[in-house]
Amino acid sequence: QVQLVESGGGLVQPGGSLRLSCVVSGSIFSYSSVGWYRQDRAKERELVARIIIRGGSANYADSVKGRFTISRDNAKNTVYLQMNSLNSEDTAVYYCNPVGLLGKPFWGQGTQVTVSS
């Protein structure tokens, strides 16, 4: 049973920063990649960023390029999403999405990010 622990969400003012964390159970090398998705109310869930575990390459949604950075700490089995210059459009529930080596996706419970003054 894969367990994911997400943390780091909260309320932040426009222009502020947050760092989300996703701790995966077992070795992080059990996954080919880990992504962060977000979903706000009636909108579709969208991919924010994804990192390849072996190699570390990453890709980002156009809306967050230059503001968000995804990274991993292999020793801590943790993937981070550093979010800077936040604005109201970033308000959403953020979900961690590790993908197993055979392609099976897993989902965390989500963490709420609210950007508001």
N, C-alpha and C. Protein backbone atom coordinates (compact mmCIF):
# COMPACT_ATOMS: atom_id res chain seq x y z
N GLN A 1 0.85 -1.20 0.00
CA GLN A 1 0.00 0.00 0.00
C GLN A 1 0.88 1.24 0.00
N VAL A 2 0.71 2.03 -1.05
CA VAL A 2 1.49 3.26 -1.16
C VAL A 2 0.88 4.33 -0.27
N GLN A 3 1.71 4.97 0.50
CA GLN A 3 1.24 6.08 1.32
C GLN A 3 1.95 7.35 0.92
N LEU A 4 1.18 8.39 0.80
CA LEU A 4 1.71 9.69 0.46
C LEU A 4 1.34 10.67 1.56
N VAL A 5 2.26 11.50 1.94
CA VAL A 5 1.97 12.53 2.93
C VAL A 5 2.31 13.87 2.31
N GLU A 6 1.27 14.66 2.07
CA GLU A 6 1.45 15.98 1.50
C GLU A 6 1.33 17.01 2.61
N SER A 7 2.09 18.07 2.48
CA SER A 7 2.02 19.15 3.45
C SER A 7 2.51 20.44 2.82
N GLY A 8 2.29 21.53 3.53
CA GLY A 8 2.82 22.81 3.10
C GLY A 8 1.80 23.80 2.57
N GLY A 9 0.57 23.36 2.39
CA GLY A 9 -0.44 24.29 1.91
C GLY A 9 -0.84 25.28 2.98
N GLY A 10 -1.63 26.26 2.57
CA GLY A 10 -2.09 27.25 3.52
C GLY A 10 -2.58 28.50 2.83
N LEU A 11 -2.75 29.53 3.63
CA LEU A 11 -3.21 30.83 3.13
C LEU A 11 -2.01 31.75 2.99
N VAL A 12 -1.88 32.37 1.83
CA VAL A 12 -0.75 33.27 1.58
C VAL A 12 -1.25 34.49 0.80
N GLN A 13 -0.61 35.60 1.01
CA GLN A 13 -0.99 36.82 0.29
C GLN A 13 -0.43 36.79 -1.13
N PRO A 14 -1.06 37.51 -2.03
CA PRO A 14 -0.52 37.60 -3.40
C PRO A 14 0.93 38.06 -3.37
N GLY A 15 1.74 37.42 -4.18
CA GLY A 15 3.16 37.72 -4.21
C GLY A 15 3.98 36.88 -3.25
N GLY A 16 3.31 36.14 -2.40
CA GLY A 16 4.01 35.33 -1.41
C GLY A 16 4.47 33.99 -1.96
N SER A 17 5.03 33.19 -1.05
CA SER A 17 5.60 31.89 -1.43
C SER A 17 5.12 30.80 -0.49
N LEU A 18 5.09 29.60 -1.01
CA LEU A 18 4.83 28.39 -0.23
C LEU A 18 5.67 27.27 -0.80
N ARG A 19 5.97 26.30 0.05
CA ARG A 19 6.65 25.10 -0.43
C ARG A 19 5.83 23.88 -0.02
N LEU A 20 5.41 23.14 -1.01
CA LEU A 20 4.67 21.91 -0.77
C LEU A 20 5.64 20.73 -0.72
N SER A 21 5.31 19.77 0.12
CA SER A 21 6.12 18.56 0.24
C SER A 21 5.26 17.33 0.03
N CYS A 22 5.85 16.34 -0.59
CA CYS A 22 5.18 15.05 -0.78
C CYS A 22 6.17 13.96 -0.40
N VAL A 23 5.89 13.30 0.71
CA VAL A 23 6.73 12.19 1.15
C VAL A 23 6.08 10.90 0.68
N VAL A 24 6.84 10.11 -0.06
CA VAL A 24 6.31 8.85 -0.57
C VAL A 24 6.81 7.70 0.28
N SER A 25 5.99 6.66 0.37
CA SER A 25 6.39 5.50 1.16
C SER A 25 7.39 4.68 0.37
N GLY A 26 8.29 4.03 1.08
CA GLY A 26 9.31 3.24 0.42
C GLY A 26 10.34 4.13 -0.25
N SER A 27 11.03 3.57 -1.22
CA SER A 27 12.06 4.32 -1.91
C SER A 27 11.46 5.16 -3.03
N ILE A 28 12.00 6.36 -3.15
CA ILE A 28 11.52 7.24 -4.23
C ILE A 28 11.88 6.64 -5.58
N PHE A 29 12.86 5.75 -5.62
CA PHE A 29 13.25 5.11 -6.88
C PHE A 29 12.27 4.02 -7.30
N SER A 30 11.23 3.82 -6.50
CA SER A 30 10.14 2.93 -6.89
C SER A 30 9.19 3.59 -7.88
N TYR A 31 9.44 4.87 -8.13
CA TYR A 31 8.58 5.65 -9.01
C TYR A 31 9.39 6.20 -10.17
N SER A 32 8.76 6.26 -11.32
CA SER A 32 9.46 6.80 -12.49
C SER A 32 9.42 8.32 -12.47
N SER A 33 8.33 8.87 -11.97
CA SER A 33 8.21 10.32 -11.92
C SER A 33 7.21 10.69 -10.82
N VAL A 34 7.27 11.91 -10.41
CA VAL A 34 6.31 12.46 -9.45
C VAL A 34 5.84 13.81 -9.97
N GLY A 35 4.55 13.97 -9.99
CA GLY A 35 3.99 15.24 -10.45
C GLY A 35 3.17 15.91 -9.38
N TRP A 36 2.92 17.17 -9.61
CA TRP A 36 1.98 17.93 -8.81
C TRP A 36 0.87 18.40 -9.74
N TYR A 37 -0.36 18.11 -9.34
CA TYR A 37 -1.54 18.59 -10.05
C TYR A 37 -2.27 19.56 -9.13
N ARG A 38 -3.16 20.33 -9.72
CA ARG A 38 -4.03 21.18 -8.92
C ARG A 38 -5.42 21.20 -9.51
N GLN A 39 -6.38 21.45 -8.64
CA GLN A 39 -7.77 21.51 -9.07
C GLN A 39 -8.49 22.54 -8.23
N ASP A 40 -9.16 23.45 -8.90
CA ASP A 40 -9.92 24.49 -8.21
C ASP A 40 -11.40 24.36 -8.55
N ARG A 41 -12.18 24.03 -7.59
CA ARG A 41 -13.63 23.91 -7.69
C ARG A 41 -14.05 23.15 -8.95
N ALA A 42 -14.78 23.80 -9.84
CA ALA A 42 -15.36 23.10 -10.99
C ALA A 42 -14.38 22.92 -12.14
N LYS A 43 -13.18 23.42 -11.99
CA LYS A 43 -12.20 23.31 -13.07
C LYS A 43 -11.63 21.89 -13.12
N GLU A 44 -11.08 21.55 -14.27
CA GLU A 44 -10.44 20.26 -14.42
C GLU A 44 -9.10 20.23 -13.68
N ARG A 45 -8.73 19.05 -13.24
CA ARG A 45 -7.43 18.91 -12.60
C ARG A 45 -6.35 19.11 -13.66
N GLU A 46 -5.37 19.93 -13.35
CA GLU A 46 -4.33 20.23 -14.33
C GLU A 46 -2.95 19.92 -13.77
N LEU A 47 -2.07 19.50 -14.66
CA LEU A 47 -0.69 19.22 -14.28
C LEU A 47 0.05 20.54 -14.09
N VAL A 48 0.68 20.67 -12.95
CA VAL A 48 1.46 21.87 -12.65
C VAL A 48 2.93 21.63 -12.98
N ALA A 49 3.47 20.52 -12.53
CA ALA A 49 4.88 20.21 -12.76
C ALA A 49 5.09 18.72 -12.55
N ARG A 50 6.12 18.21 -13.19
CA ARG A 50 6.47 16.80 -13.03
C ARG A 50 7.98 16.68 -13.10
N ILE A 51 8.52 15.78 -12.27
CA ILE A 51 9.95 15.55 -12.26
C ILE A 51 10.22 14.07 -12.49
N ILE A 52 11.20 13.79 -13.32
CA ILE A 52 11.65 12.43 -13.55
C ILE A 52 12.62 12.07 -12.43
N ILE A 53 12.36 10.97 -11.76
CA ILE A 53 13.17 10.64 -10.59
C ILE A 53 14.62 10.33 -10.96
N ARG A 54 14.81 9.49 -11.95
CA ARG A 54 16.18 9.19 -12.38
C ARG A 54 16.57 10.20 -13.45
N GLY A 55 17.41 11.10 -13.10
CA GLY A 55 17.83 12.14 -14.05
C GLY A 55 17.45 13.53 -13.58
N GLY A 56 16.25 13.65 -13.03
CA GLY A 56 15.86 14.93 -12.45
C GLY A 56 15.28 15.95 -13.40
N SER A 57 15.07 15.58 -14.65
CA SER A 57 14.49 16.57 -15.56
C SER A 57 13.05 16.86 -15.16
N ALA A 58 12.61 18.06 -15.46
CA ALA A 58 11.29 18.50 -15.04
C ALA A 58 10.58 19.25 -16.15
N ASN A 59 9.27 19.25 -16.08
CA ASN A 59 8.50 20.07 -17.00
C ASN A 59 7.41 20.78 -16.21
N TYR A 60 6.97 21.91 -16.74
CA TYR A 60 6.04 22.79 -16.04
C TYR A 60 4.90 23.24 -16.95
N ALA A 61 3.78 23.52 -16.33
CA ALA A 61 2.69 24.18 -17.05
C ALA A 61 3.15 25.60 -17.39
N ASP A 62 2.70 26.10 -18.51
CA ASP A 62 3.10 27.45 -18.93
C ASP A 62 2.74 28.49 -17.87
N SER A 63 1.65 28.27 -17.19
CA SER A 63 1.15 29.25 -16.22
C SER A 63 2.05 29.40 -15.00
N VAL A 64 2.94 28.44 -14.77
CA VAL A 64 3.78 28.50 -13.57
C VAL A 64 5.26 28.59 -13.89
N LYS A 65 5.63 28.52 -15.15
CA LYS A 65 7.05 28.59 -15.52
C LYS A 65 7.67 29.88 -15.00
N GLY A 66 8.85 29.72 -14.41
CA GLY A 66 9.55 30.87 -13.87
C GLY A 66 9.14 31.23 -12.45
N ARG A 67 8.05 30.64 -11.97
CA ARG A 67 7.58 30.93 -10.61
C ARG A 67 7.66 29.70 -9.71
N PHE A 68 7.41 28.53 -10.26
CA PHE A 68 7.40 27.30 -9.48
C PHE A 68 8.63 26.47 -9.82
N THR A 69 9.11 25.74 -8.83
CA THR A 69 10.23 24.82 -9.05
C THR A 69 9.94 23.51 -8.36
N ILE A 70 10.04 22.43 -9.10
CA ILE A 70 9.86 21.10 -8.53
C ILE A 70 11.24 20.49 -8.32
N SER A 71 11.41 19.82 -7.19
CA SER A 71 12.69 19.21 -6.89
C SER A 71 12.45 17.96 -6.05
N ARG A 72 13.53 17.19 -5.85
CA ARG A 72 13.39 15.97 -5.05
C ARG A 72 14.58 15.82 -4.13
N ASP A 73 14.34 15.18 -3.02
CA ASP A 73 15.40 14.81 -2.09
C ASP A 73 15.33 13.30 -1.97
N ASN A 74 16.22 12.63 -2.66
CA ASN A 74 16.15 11.17 -2.71
C ASN A 74 16.31 10.53 -1.33
N ALA A 75 17.16 11.11 -0.52
CA ALA A 75 17.42 10.53 0.80
C ALA A 75 16.18 10.61 1.70
N LYS A 76 15.35 11.62 1.46
CA LYS A 76 14.15 11.81 2.27
C LYS A 76 12.89 11.29 1.58
N ASN A 77 13.05 10.71 0.39
CA ASN A 77 11.91 10.20 -0.38
C ASN A 77 10.83 11.28 -0.52
N THR A 78 11.27 12.46 -0.82
CA THR A 78 10.38 13.62 -0.82
C THR A 78 10.53 14.42 -2.11
N VAL A 79 9.39 14.87 -2.60
CA VAL A 79 9.36 15.78 -3.74
C VAL A 79 8.76 17.09 -3.26
N TYR A 80 9.37 18.18 -3.68
CA TYR A 80 8.94 19.51 -3.25
C TYR A 80 8.39 20.30 -4.45
N LEU A 81 7.51 21.22 -4.14
CA LEU A 81 7.07 22.20 -5.12
C LEU A 81 7.21 23.57 -4.48
N GLN A 82 8.24 24.28 -4.88
CA GLN A 82 8.45 25.64 -4.39
C GLN A 82 7.64 26.58 -5.26
N MET A 83 6.78 27.36 -4.64
CA MET A 83 5.88 28.24 -5.37
C MET A 83 6.14 29.68 -4.95
N ASN A 84 6.57 30.49 -5.90
CA ASN A 84 6.85 31.89 -5.64
C ASN A 84 5.91 32.79 -6.45
N SER A 85 5.86 34.04 -6.08
CA SER A 85 5.03 35.03 -6.79
C SER A 85 3.61 34.51 -6.99
N LEU A 86 3.04 34.00 -5.93
CA LEU A 86 1.71 33.41 -6.03
C LEU A 86 0.66 34.48 -6.30
N ASN A 87 -0.35 34.08 -7.06
CA ASN A 87 -1.48 34.96 -7.32
C ASN A 87 -2.77 34.18 -7.15
N SER A 88 -3.88 34.87 -7.27
CA SER A 88 -5.18 34.25 -6.99
C SER A 88 -5.48 33.07 -7.92
N GLU A 89 -4.90 33.10 -9.10
CA GLU A 89 -5.11 32.00 -10.05
C GLU A 89 -4.46 30.71 -9.58
N ASP A 90 -3.58 30.79 -8.62
CA ASP A 90 -2.91 29.60 -8.09
C ASP A 90 -3.72 28.93 -6.98
N THR A 91 -4.79 29.56 -6.56
CA THR A 91 -5.63 28.97 -5.51
C THR A 91 -6.24 27.67 -6.01
N ALA A 92 -6.02 26.60 -5.26
CA ALA A 92 -6.50 25.28 -5.66
C ALA A 92 -6.10 24.27 -4.60
N VAL A 93 -6.63 23.07 -4.75
CA VAL A 93 -6.11 21.93 -3.99
C VAL A 93 -5.01 21.31 -4.83
N TYR A 94 -3.87 21.11 -4.23
CA TYR A 94 -2.70 20.57 -4.92
C TYR A 94 -2.53 19.10 -4.53
N TYR A 95 -2.33 18.27 -5.55
CA TYR A 95 -2.23 16.83 -5.35
C TYR A 95 -0.87 16.32 -5.82
N CYS A 96 -0.29 15.47 -5.02
CA CYS A 96 0.93 14.78 -5.40
C CYS A 96 0.57 13.54 -6.20
N ASN A 97 1.31 13.27 -7.26
CA ASN A 97 0.99 12.16 -8.17
C ASN A 97 2.24 11.39 -8.56
N PRO A 98 2.67 10.45 -7.72
CA PRO A 98 3.78 9.59 -8.13
C PRO A 98 3.27 8.55 -9.14
N VAL A 99 4.11 8.20 -10.06
CA VAL A 99 3.79 7.17 -11.04
C VAL A 99 4.78 6.02 -10.87
N GLY A 100 4.26 4.81 -10.66
CA GLY A 100 5.11 3.66 -10.45
C GLY A 100 5.90 3.29 -11.69
N LEU A 101 6.85 2.43 -11.52
CA LEU A 101 7.73 2.05 -12.63
C LEU A 101 6.97 1.35 -13.75
N LEU A 102 5.81 0.74 -13.43
CA LEU A 102 5.00 0.09 -14.45
C LEU A 102 3.86 0.99 -14.91
N GLY A 103 3.90 2.24 -14.50
CA GLY A 103 2.94 3.20 -15.00
C GLY A 103 1.72 3.44 -14.14
N LYS A 104 1.63 2.79 -13.00
CA LYS A 104 0.46 2.98 -12.15
C LYS A 104 0.57 4.30 -11.40
N PRO A 105 -0.46 5.13 -11.50
CA PRO A 105 -0.43 6.40 -10.77
C PRO A 105 -1.00 6.26 -9.37
N PHE A 106 -0.50 7.09 -8.49
CA PHE A 106 -1.01 7.16 -7.13
C PHE A 106 -1.33 8.62 -6.83
N TRP A 107 -2.27 8.81 -5.91
CA TRP A 107 -2.70 10.18 -5.59
C TRP A 107 -2.68 10.42 -4.09
N GLY A 108 -2.21 11.61 -3.73
CA GLY A 108 -2.29 12.01 -2.34
C GLY A 108 -3.66 12.56 -2.03
N GLN A 109 -3.85 12.97 -0.77
CA GLN A 109 -5.16 13.46 -0.33
C GLN A 109 -5.37 14.93 -0.71
N GLY A 110 -4.30 15.59 -1.11
CA GLY A 110 -4.41 16.98 -1.51
C GLY A 110 -4.13 17.93 -0.36
N THR A 111 -3.61 19.08 -0.72
CA THR A 111 -3.38 20.14 0.27
C THR A 111 -3.87 21.46 -0.33
N GLN A 112 -4.60 22.20 0.46
CA GLN A 112 -5.24 23.43 -0.02
C GLN A 112 -4.24 24.58 -0.02
N VAL A 113 -4.20 25.28 -1.15
CA VAL A 113 -3.43 26.51 -1.26
C VAL A 113 -4.42 27.63 -1.60
N THR A 114 -4.43 28.65 -0.77
CA THR A 114 -5.32 29.78 -0.99
C THR A 114 -4.49 31.05 -1.03
N VAL A 115 -4.61 31.77 -2.13
CA VAL A 115 -3.89 33.03 -2.29
C VAL A 115 -4.91 34.16 -2.22
N SER A 116 -4.81 34.94 -1.17
CA SER A 116 -5.80 35.99 -0.95
C SER A 116 -5.24 37.04 -0.01
N SER A 117 -5.65 38.28 -0.23
CA SER A 117 -5.25 39.36 0.67
C SER A 117 -6.28 39.54 1.78
